Amino acid sequence: MPLAMIGDAGYKIALFFHIIAVVVALGPTFGYGVMFSVLPKYPRAAPALIAGVRKVDRILVNPGMILLLVAGIVLLATSGSVWKGSQFFIVWGFLAIIALFGVQHGFFAPQMAKLEEIAERDLAGGDSLSPEFDASSQRIAQVGAATGILVVLTVFIMAYKPFL
Protein backbone atom coordinates (compact mmCIF):
# COMPACT_ATOMS: atom_id res chain seq x y z
CA MET A 1 0.00 0.00 0.00
CA PRO A 2 1.71 3.25 -1.09
CA LEU A 3 2.16 6.18 1.26
CA ALA A 4 -0.58 8.14 -0.51
CA MET A 5 -3.10 5.41 0.32
CA ILE A 6 -2.22 5.10 4.01
CA GLY A 7 -1.50 8.78 4.42
CA ASP A 8 1.27 10.79 5.93
CA ALA A 9 -0.17 10.25 9.43
CA GLY A 10 0.02 6.46 9.05
CA TYR A 11 3.63 6.65 7.94
CA LYS A 12 4.48 8.90 10.90
CA ILE A 13 2.74 6.53 13.32
CA ALA A 14 4.78 3.62 11.91
CA LEU A 15 7.92 5.75 12.24
CA PHE A 16 7.02 6.49 15.87
CA PHE A 17 6.65 2.76 16.61
CA HIS A 18 9.93 2.05 14.82
CA ILE A 19 11.81 4.63 16.91
CA ILE A 20 10.13 3.73 20.22
CA ALA A 21 10.94 0.06 19.56
CA VAL A 22 14.63 0.94 19.29
CA VAL A 23 14.46 2.77 22.62
CA VAL A 24 12.48 0.06 24.42
CA ALA A 25 14.29 -2.95 22.94
CA LEU A 26 17.86 -1.80 22.80
CA GLY A 27 18.14 1.05 25.30
CA PRO A 28 18.15 -1.12 28.44
CA THR A 29 20.96 -3.29 27.09
CA PHE A 30 23.37 -0.35 27.32
CA GLY A 31 22.95 -0.39 31.11
CA TYR A 32 23.74 -4.06 31.61
CA GLY A 33 27.50 -3.51 31.92
CA VAL A 34 27.00 -0.79 34.51
CA MET A 35 24.75 -3.09 36.55
CA PHE A 36 27.30 -5.92 36.39
CA SER A 37 30.05 -3.57 37.59
CA VAL A 38 28.66 -3.77 41.16
CA LEU A 39 29.18 -7.53 41.43
CA PRO A 40 32.76 -7.39 42.77
CA LYS A 41 31.42 -5.49 45.80
CA TYR A 42 28.10 -7.39 46.04
CA PRO A 43 28.63 -10.91 44.66
CA ARG A 44 25.50 -12.24 46.37
CA ALA A 45 23.45 -9.97 44.09
CA ALA A 46 24.59 -11.89 41.00
CA PRO A 47 21.67 -14.35 40.69
CA ALA A 48 19.07 -11.59 41.19
CA LEU A 49 20.84 -9.25 38.79
CA ILE A 50 21.09 -11.92 36.11
CA ALA A 51 17.44 -12.91 36.63
CA GLY A 52 16.51 -9.24 36.21
CA VAL A 53 18.49 -8.94 32.99
CA ARG A 54 16.86 -12.10 31.65
CA LYS A 55 13.42 -10.72 32.53
CA VAL A 56 14.16 -7.40 30.77
CA ASP A 57 15.23 -9.43 27.73
CA ARG A 58 11.97 -11.42 27.75
CA ILE A 59 9.64 -8.46 28.41
CA LEU A 60 11.34 -5.56 26.61
CA VAL A 61 14.19 -6.63 24.34
CA ASN A 62 12.64 -9.57 22.50
CA PRO A 63 9.16 -8.08 21.91
CA GLY A 64 10.75 -4.70 21.14
CA MET A 65 12.95 -6.22 18.45
CA ILE A 66 9.89 -7.85 16.89
CA LEU A 67 8.08 -4.49 16.90
CA LEU A 68 11.20 -2.85 15.46
CA LEU A 69 11.26 -5.30 12.55
CA VAL A 70 7.51 -5.13 11.88
CA ALA A 71 7.49 -1.32 12.04
CA GLY A 72 10.45 -1.22 9.65
CA ILE A 73 8.60 -3.42 7.19
CA VAL A 74 5.49 -1.21 7.49
CA LEU A 75 7.62 1.90 6.91
CA LEU A 76 9.12 0.42 3.78
CA ALA A 77 5.74 -0.81 2.53
CA THR A 78 4.02 2.53 3.12
CA SER A 79 6.78 4.76 1.80
CA GLY A 80 5.63 4.43 -1.81
CA SER A 81 8.46 5.50 -4.06
CA VAL A 82 10.32 7.39 -1.31
CA TRP A 83 12.38 4.41 -0.08
CA LYS A 84 13.51 1.35 -2.00
CA GLY A 85 14.32 -1.97 -0.38
CA SER A 86 17.68 -1.97 -2.13
CA GLN A 87 18.89 1.27 -0.54
CA PHE A 88 21.96 0.83 1.65
CA PHE A 89 20.44 2.03 4.92
CA ILE A 90 17.42 -0.27 4.53
CA VAL A 91 19.53 -3.33 3.67
CA TRP A 92 21.83 -2.49 6.60
CA GLY A 93 18.84 -2.15 8.94
CA PHE A 94 17.42 -5.54 7.97
CA LEU A 95 20.81 -7.24 8.27
CA ALA A 96 21.39 -5.59 11.65
CA ILE A 97 18.07 -6.70 13.15
CA ILE A 98 18.61 -10.24 11.83
CA ALA A 99 22.09 -10.27 13.39
CA LEU A 100 20.67 -8.93 16.68
CA PHE A 101 18.00 -11.65 16.75
CA GLY A 102 20.71 -14.24 16.12
CA VAL A 103 23.04 -12.93 18.83
CA GLN A 104 20.19 -12.49 21.31
CA HIS A 105 18.81 -16.00 20.92
CA GLY A 106 21.93 -17.87 19.88
CA PHE A 107 24.38 -16.33 22.36
CA PHE A 108 22.99 -14.03 25.05
CA ALA A 109 19.96 -16.08 26.15
CA PRO A 110 21.84 -19.37 26.62
CA GLN A 111 24.94 -17.70 28.05
CA MET A 112 22.94 -15.71 30.61
CA ALA A 113 21.09 -18.88 31.69
CA LYS A 114 24.45 -20.60 32.13
CA LEU A 115 25.86 -17.60 34.01
CA GLU A 116 22.90 -17.64 36.39
CA GLU A 117 23.50 -21.36 37.10
CA ILE A 118 27.21 -20.73 37.73
CA ALA A 119 26.42 -17.85 40.12
CA GLU A 120 23.91 -19.93 42.07
CA ARG A 121 26.37 -22.85 42.28
CA ASP A 122 29.25 -20.58 43.38
CA LEU A 123 27.21 -18.81 46.04
CA ALA A 124 25.79 -22.08 47.40
CA GLY A 125 29.37 -22.92 48.39
CA GLY A 126 30.46 -19.53 49.71
CA ASP A 127 30.34 -15.78 49.29
CA SER A 128 32.40 -15.37 46.15
CA LEU A 129 32.09 -15.93 42.44
CA SER A 130 34.42 -18.33 40.66
CA PRO A 131 36.95 -17.65 37.91
CA GLU A 132 34.52 -19.55 35.65
CA PHE A 133 31.84 -16.92 36.42
CA ASP A 134 34.32 -14.11 35.74
CA ALA A 135 35.43 -15.63 32.42
CA SER A 136 31.87 -16.24 31.27
CA SER A 137 30.82 -12.75 32.35
CA GLN A 138 33.79 -11.25 30.49
CA ARG A 139 32.89 -13.15 27.30
CA ILE A 140 29.29 -11.88 27.55
CA ALA A 141 30.57 -8.33 28.11
CA GLN A 142 32.81 -8.51 25.03
CA VAL A 143 29.97 -9.69 22.79
CA GLY A 144 27.74 -7.06 24.43
CA ALA A 145 30.23 -4.31 23.55
CA ALA A 146 30.41 -5.48 19.93
CA THR A 147 26.62 -5.63 19.79
CA GLY A 148 26.42 -2.12 21.24
CA ILE A 149 28.73 -0.86 18.50
CA LEU A 150 26.47 -2.51 15.91
CA VAL A 151 23.41 -0.80 17.44
CA VAL A 152 25.05 2.65 17.54
CA LEU A 153 26.36 2.27 13.99
CA THR A 154 22.92 1.18 12.80
CA VAL A 155 21.20 4.14 14.47
CA PHE A 156 23.74 6.43 12.77
CA ILE A 157 23.18 4.81 9.37
CA MET A 158 19.39 4.95 9.73
CA ALA A 159 19.50 8.62 10.75
CA TYR A 160 22.17 9.81 8.31
CA LYS A 161 21.18 7.58 5.37
CA PRO A 162 24.53 7.58 3.57
CA PHE A 163 24.81 6.78 -0.12
CA LEU A 164 21.44 8.31 -1.03
C-alpha atoms as a PDB file:
ATOM      1  CA  MET A   1       0.000   0.000   0.000  1.00  0.00           C
ATOM      2  CA  PRO A   2       1.711   3.248  -1.093  1.00  0.00           C
ATOM      3  CA  LEU A   3       2.158   6.184   1.260  1.00  0.00           C
ATOM      4  CA  ALA A   4      -0.576   8.141  -0.510  1.00  0.00           C
ATOM      5  CA  MET A   5      -3.103   5.412   0.323  1.00  0.00           C
ATOM      6  CA  ILE A   6      -2.219   5.100   4.011  1.00  0.00           C
ATOM      7  CA  GLY A   7      -1.504   8.783   4.421  1.00  0.00           C
ATOM      8  CA  ASP A   8       1.274  10.787   5.933  1.00  0.00           C
ATOM      9  CA  ALA A   9      -0.165  10.245   9.428  1.00  0.00           C
ATOM     10  CA  GLY A  10       0.017   6.458   9.046  1.00  0.00           C
ATOM     11  CA  TYR A  11       3.634   6.649   7.944  1.00  0.00           C
ATOM     12  CA  LYS A  12       4.480   8.900  10.896  1.00  0.00           C
ATOM     13  CA  ILE A  13       2.745   6.532  13.316  1.00  0.00           C
ATOM     14  CA  ALA A  14       4.776   3.623  11.912  1.00  0.00           C
ATOM     15  CA  LEU A  15       7.920   5.751  12.236  1.00  0.00           C
ATOM     16  CA  PHE A  16       7.017   6.492  15.872  1.00  0.00           C
ATOM     17  CA  PHE A  17       6.653   2.760  16.609  1.00  0.00           C
ATOM     18  CA  HIS A  18       9.928   2.048  14.822  1.00  0.00           C
ATOM     19  CA  ILE A  19      11.811   4.631  16.915  1.00  0.00           C
ATOM     20  CA  ILE A  20      10.132   3.726  20.216  1.00  0.00           C
ATOM     21  CA  ALA A  21      10.937   0.062  19.559  1.00  0.00           C
ATOM     22  CA  VAL A  22      14.630   0.940  19.288  1.00  0.00           C
ATOM     23  CA  VAL A  23      14.457   2.769  22.617  1.00  0.00           C
ATOM     24  CA  VAL A  24      12.480   0.059  24.422  1.00  0.00           C
ATOM     25  CA  ALA A  25      14.286  -2.954  22.939  1.00  0.00           C
ATOM     26  CA  LEU A  26      17.864  -1.798  22.802  1.00  0.00           C
ATOM     27  CA  GLY A  27      18.136   1.052  25.304  1.00  0.00           C
ATOM     28  CA  PRO A  28      18.151  -1.124  28.436  1.00  0.00           C
ATOM     29  CA  THR A  29      20.964  -3.286  27.092  1.00  0.00           C
ATOM     30  CA  PHE A  30      23.372  -0.347  27.323  1.00  0.00           C
ATOM     31  CA  GLY A  31      22.948  -0.386  31.112  1.00  0.00           C
ATOM     32  CA  TYR A  32      23.741  -4.061  31.613  1.00  0.00           C
ATOM     33  CA  GLY A  33      27.502  -3.508  31.920  1.00  0.00           C
ATOM     34  CA  VAL A  34      26.997  -0.786  34.512  1.00  0.00           C
ATOM     35  CA  MET A  35      24.751  -3.086  36.548  1.00  0.00           C
ATOM     36  CA  PHE A  36      27.298  -5.919  36.388  1.00  0.00           C
ATOM     37  CA  SER A  37      30.046  -3.573  37.591  1.00  0.00           C
ATOM     38  CA  VAL A  38      28.663  -3.765  41.158  1.00  0.00           C
ATOM     39  CA  LEU A  39      29.179  -7.527  41.429  1.00  0.00           C
ATOM     40  CA  PRO A  40      32.761  -7.392  42.771  1.00  0.00           C
ATOM     41  CA  LYS A  41      31.424  -5.494  45.797  1.00  0.00           C
ATOM     42  CA  TYR A  42      28.104  -7.386  46.037  1.00  0.00           C
ATOM     43  CA  PRO A  43      28.631 -10.911  44.658  1.00  0.00           C
ATOM     44  CA  ARG A  44      25.501 -12.240  46.370  1.00  0.00           C
ATOM     45  CA  ALA A  45      23.453  -9.974  44.087  1.00  0.00           C
ATOM     46  CA  ALA A  46      24.594 -11.894  40.996  1.00  0.00           C
ATOM     47  CA  PRO A  47      21.668 -14.347  40.694  1.00  0.00           C
ATOM     48  CA  ALA A  48      19.069 -11.592  41.186  1.00  0.00           C
ATOM     49  CA  LEU A  49      20.844  -9.250  38.790  1.00  0.00           C
ATOM     50  CA  ILE A  50      21.093 -11.924  36.109  1.00  0.00           C
ATOM     51  CA  ALA A  51      17.439 -12.912  36.635  1.00  0.00           C
ATOM     52  CA  GLY A  52      16.510  -9.241  36.209  1.00  0.00           C
ATOM     53  CA  VAL A  53      18.491  -8.943  32.986  1.00  0.00           C
ATOM     54  CA  ARG A  54      16.864 -12.102  31.646  1.00  0.00           C
ATOM     55  CA  LYS A  55      13.418 -10.721  32.527  1.00  0.00           C
ATOM     56  CA  VAL A  56      14.164  -7.405  30.770  1.00  0.00           C
ATOM     57  CA  ASP A  57      15.234  -9.435  27.732  1.00  0.00           C
ATOM     58  CA  ARG A  58      11.966 -11.417  27.754  1.00  0.00           C
ATOM     59  CA  ILE A  59       9.640  -8.463  28.413  1.00  0.00           C
ATOM     60  CA  LEU A  60      11.344  -5.558  26.611  1.00  0.00           C
ATOM     61  CA  VAL A  61      14.193  -6.628  24.341  1.00  0.00           C
ATOM     62  CA  ASN A  62      12.643  -9.570  22.495  1.00  0.00           C
ATOM     63  CA  PRO A  63       9.155  -8.077  21.906  1.00  0.00           C
ATOM     64  CA  GLY A  64      10.746  -4.700  21.135  1.00  0.00           C
ATOM     65  CA  MET A  65      12.945  -6.223  18.448  1.00  0.00           C
ATOM     66  CA  ILE A  66       9.891  -7.853  16.887  1.00  0.00           C
ATOM     67  CA  LEU A  67       8.083  -4.493  16.903  1.00  0.00           C
ATOM     68  CA  LEU A  68      11.199  -2.846  15.456  1.00  0.00           C
ATOM     69  CA  LEU A  69      11.262  -5.302  12.552  1.00  0.00           C
ATOM     70  CA  VAL A  70       7.513  -5.130  11.884  1.00  0.00           C
ATOM     71  CA  ALA A  71       7.487  -1.317  12.037  1.00  0.00           C
ATOM     72  CA  GLY A  72      10.454  -1.216   9.650  1.00  0.00           C
ATOM     73  CA  ILE A  73       8.596  -3.415   7.188  1.00  0.00           C
ATOM     74  CA  VAL A  74       5.485  -1.209   7.493  1.00  0.00           C
ATOM     75  CA  LEU A  75       7.623   1.900   6.913  1.00  0.00           C
ATOM     76  CA  LEU A  76       9.115   0.420   3.776  1.00  0.00           C
ATOM     77  CA  ALA A  77       5.741  -0.812   2.530  1.00  0.00           C
ATOM     78  CA  THR A  78       4.021   2.530   3.123  1.00  0.00           C
ATOM     79  CA  SER A  79       6.782   4.760   1.796  1.00  0.00           C
ATOM     80  CA  GLY A  80       5.631   4.427  -1.807  1.00  0.00           C
ATOM     81  CA  SER A  81       8.460   5.504  -4.063  1.00  0.00           C
ATOM     82  CA  VAL A  82      10.317   7.387  -1.313  1.00  0.00           C
ATOM     83  CA  TRP A  83      12.376   4.414  -0.085  1.00  0.00           C
ATOM     84  CA  LYS A  84      13.509   1.354  -1.999  1.00  0.00           C
ATOM     85  CA  GLY A  85      14.320  -1.971  -0.377  1.00  0.00           C
ATOM     86  CA  SER A  86      17.678  -1.974  -2.131  1.00  0.00           C
ATOM     87  CA  GLN A  87      18.888   1.269  -0.543  1.00  0.00           C
ATOM     88  CA  PHE A  88      21.962   0.825   1.654  1.00  0.00           C
ATOM     89  CA  PHE A  89      20.436   2.030   4.924  1.00  0.00           C
ATOM     90  CA  ILE A  90      17.423  -0.270   4.529  1.00  0.00           C
ATOM     91  CA  VAL A  91      19.526  -3.328   3.674  1.00  0.00           C
ATOM     92  CA  TRP A  92      21.829  -2.487   6.599  1.00  0.00           C
ATOM     93  CA  GLY A  93      18.836  -2.152   8.944  1.00  0.00           C
ATOM     94  CA  PHE A  94      17.415  -5.537   7.974  1.00  0.00           C
ATOM     95  CA  LEU A  95      20.813  -7.235   8.268  1.00  0.00           C
ATOM     96  CA  ALA A  96      21.395  -5.587  11.652  1.00  0.00           C
ATOM     97  CA  ILE A  97      18.073  -6.702  13.148  1.00  0.00           C
ATOM     98  CA  ILE A  98      18.607 -10.244  11.828  1.00  0.00           C
ATOM     99  CA  ALA A  99      22.088 -10.268  13.391  1.00  0.00           C
ATOM    100  CA  LEU A 100      20.668  -8.931  16.675  1.00  0.00           C
ATOM    101  CA  PHE A 101      18.002 -11.651  16.755  1.00  0.00           C
ATOM    102  CA  GLY A 102      20.713 -14.238  16.120  1.00  0.00           C
ATOM    103  CA  VAL A 103      23.035 -12.933  18.831  1.00  0.00           C
ATOM    104  CA  GLN A 104      20.189 -12.486  21.313  1.00  0.00           C
ATOM    105  CA  HIS A 105      18.809 -15.997  20.916  1.00  0.00           C
ATOM    106  CA  GLY A 106      21.935 -17.871  19.879  1.00  0.00           C
ATOM    107  CA  PHE A 107      24.375 -16.332  22.359  1.00  0.00           C
ATOM    108  CA  PHE A 108      22.988 -14.033  25.053  1.00  0.00           C
ATOM    109  CA  ALA A 109      19.962 -16.085  26.154  1.00  0.00           C
ATOM    110  CA  PRO A 110      21.840 -19.370  26.617  1.00  0.00           C
ATOM    111  CA  GLN A 111      24.938 -17.696  28.052  1.00  0.00           C
ATOM    112  CA  MET A 112      22.938 -15.711  30.610  1.00  0.00           C
ATOM    113  CA  ALA A 113      21.086 -18.875  31.687  1.00  0.00           C
ATOM    114  CA  LYS A 114      24.450 -20.605  32.127  1.00  0.00           C
ATOM    115  CA  LEU A 115      25.856 -17.604  34.013  1.00  0.00           C
ATOM    116  CA  GLU A 116      22.900 -17.644  36.394  1.00  0.00           C
ATOM    117  CA  GLU A 117      23.500 -21.356  37.098  1.00  0.00           C
ATOM    118  CA  ILE A 118      27.208 -20.726  37.734  1.00  0.00           C
ATOM    119  CA  ALA A 119      26.419 -17.853  40.121  1.00  0.00           C
ATOM    120  CA  GLU A 120      23.910 -19.932  42.068  1.00  0.00           C
ATOM    121  CA  ARG A 121      26.374 -22.845  42.285  1.00  0.00           C
ATOM    122  CA  ASP A 122      29.246 -20.578  43.381  1.00  0.00           C
ATOM    123  CA  LEU A 123      27.205 -18.815  46.039  1.00  0.00           C
ATOM    124  CA  ALA A 124      25.795 -22.075  47.403  1.00  0.00           C
ATOM    125  CA  GLY A 125      29.367 -22.918  48.394  1.00  0.00           C
ATOM    126  CA  GLY A 126      30.457 -19.532  49.709  1.00  0.00           C
ATOM    127  CA  ASP A 127      30.343 -15.780  49.294  1.00  0.00           C
ATOM    128  CA  SER A 128      32.404 -15.373  46.148  1.00  0.00           C
ATOM    129  CA  LEU A 129      32.085 -15.930  42.443  1.00  0.00           C
ATOM    130  CA  SER A 130      34.418 -18.331  40.665  1.00  0.00           C
ATOM    131  CA  PRO A 131      36.952 -17.645  37.909  1.00  0.00           C
ATOM    132  CA  GLU A 132      34.522 -19.547  35.654  1.00  0.00           C
ATOM    133  CA  PHE A 133      31.843 -16.923  36.421  1.00  0.00           C
ATOM    134  CA  ASP A 134      34.318 -14.108  35.741  1.00  0.00           C
ATOM    135  CA  ALA A 135      35.429 -15.628  32.420  1.00  0.00           C
ATOM    136  CA  SER A 136      31.866 -16.238  31.267  1.00  0.00           C
ATOM    137  CA  SER A 137      30.817 -12.753  32.353  1.00  0.00           C
ATOM    138  CA  GLN A 138      33.787 -11.249  30.494  1.00  0.00           C
ATOM    139  CA  ARG A 139      32.887 -13.150  27.304  1.00  0.00           C
ATOM    140  CA  ILE A 140      29.291 -11.879  27.550  1.00  0.00           C
ATOM    141  CA  ALA A 141      30.572  -8.326  28.110  1.00  0.00           C
ATOM    142  CA  GLN A 142      32.809  -8.507  25.027  1.00  0.00           C
ATOM    143  CA  VAL A 143      29.970  -9.687  22.792  1.00  0.00           C
ATOM    144  CA  GLY A 144      27.744  -7.055  24.426  1.00  0.00           C
ATOM    145  CA  ALA A 145      30.229  -4.312  23.549  1.00  0.00           C
ATOM    146  CA  ALA A 146      30.411  -5.484  19.931  1.00  0.00           C
ATOM    147  CA  THR A 147      26.619  -5.634  19.790  1.00  0.00           C
ATOM    148  CA  GLY A 148      26.420  -2.119  21.237  1.00  0.00           C
ATOM    149  CA  ILE A 149      28.726  -0.862  18.500  1.00  0.00           C
ATOM    150  CA  LEU A 150      26.469  -2.511  15.905  1.00  0.00           C
ATOM    151  CA  VAL A 151      23.408  -0.800  17.436  1.00  0.00           C
ATOM    152  CA  VAL A 152      25.052   2.645  17.541  1.00  0.00           C
ATOM    153  CA  LEU A 153      26.363   2.270  13.994  1.00  0.00           C
ATOM    154  CA  THR A 154      22.922   1.179  12.803  1.00  0.00           C
ATOM    155  CA  VAL A 155      21.199   4.144  14.472  1.00  0.00           C
ATOM    156  CA  PHE A 156      23.739   6.430  12.766  1.00  0.00           C
ATOM    157  CA  ILE A 157      23.184   4.814   9.365  1.00  0.00           C
ATOM    158  CA  MET A 158      19.391   4.946   9.729  1.00  0.00           C
ATOM    159  CA  ALA A 159      19.503   8.622  10.753  1.00  0.00           C
ATOM    160  CA  TYR A 160      22.174   9.809   8.307  1.00  0.00           C
ATOM    161  CA  LYS A 161      21.179   7.580   5.372  1.00  0.00           C
ATOM    162  CA  PRO A 162      24.534   7.580   3.573  1.00  0.00           C
ATOM    163  CA  PHE A 163      24.807   6.784  -0.123  1.00  0.00           C
ATOM    164  CA  LEU A 164      21.440   8.311  -1.027  1.00  0.00           C
END
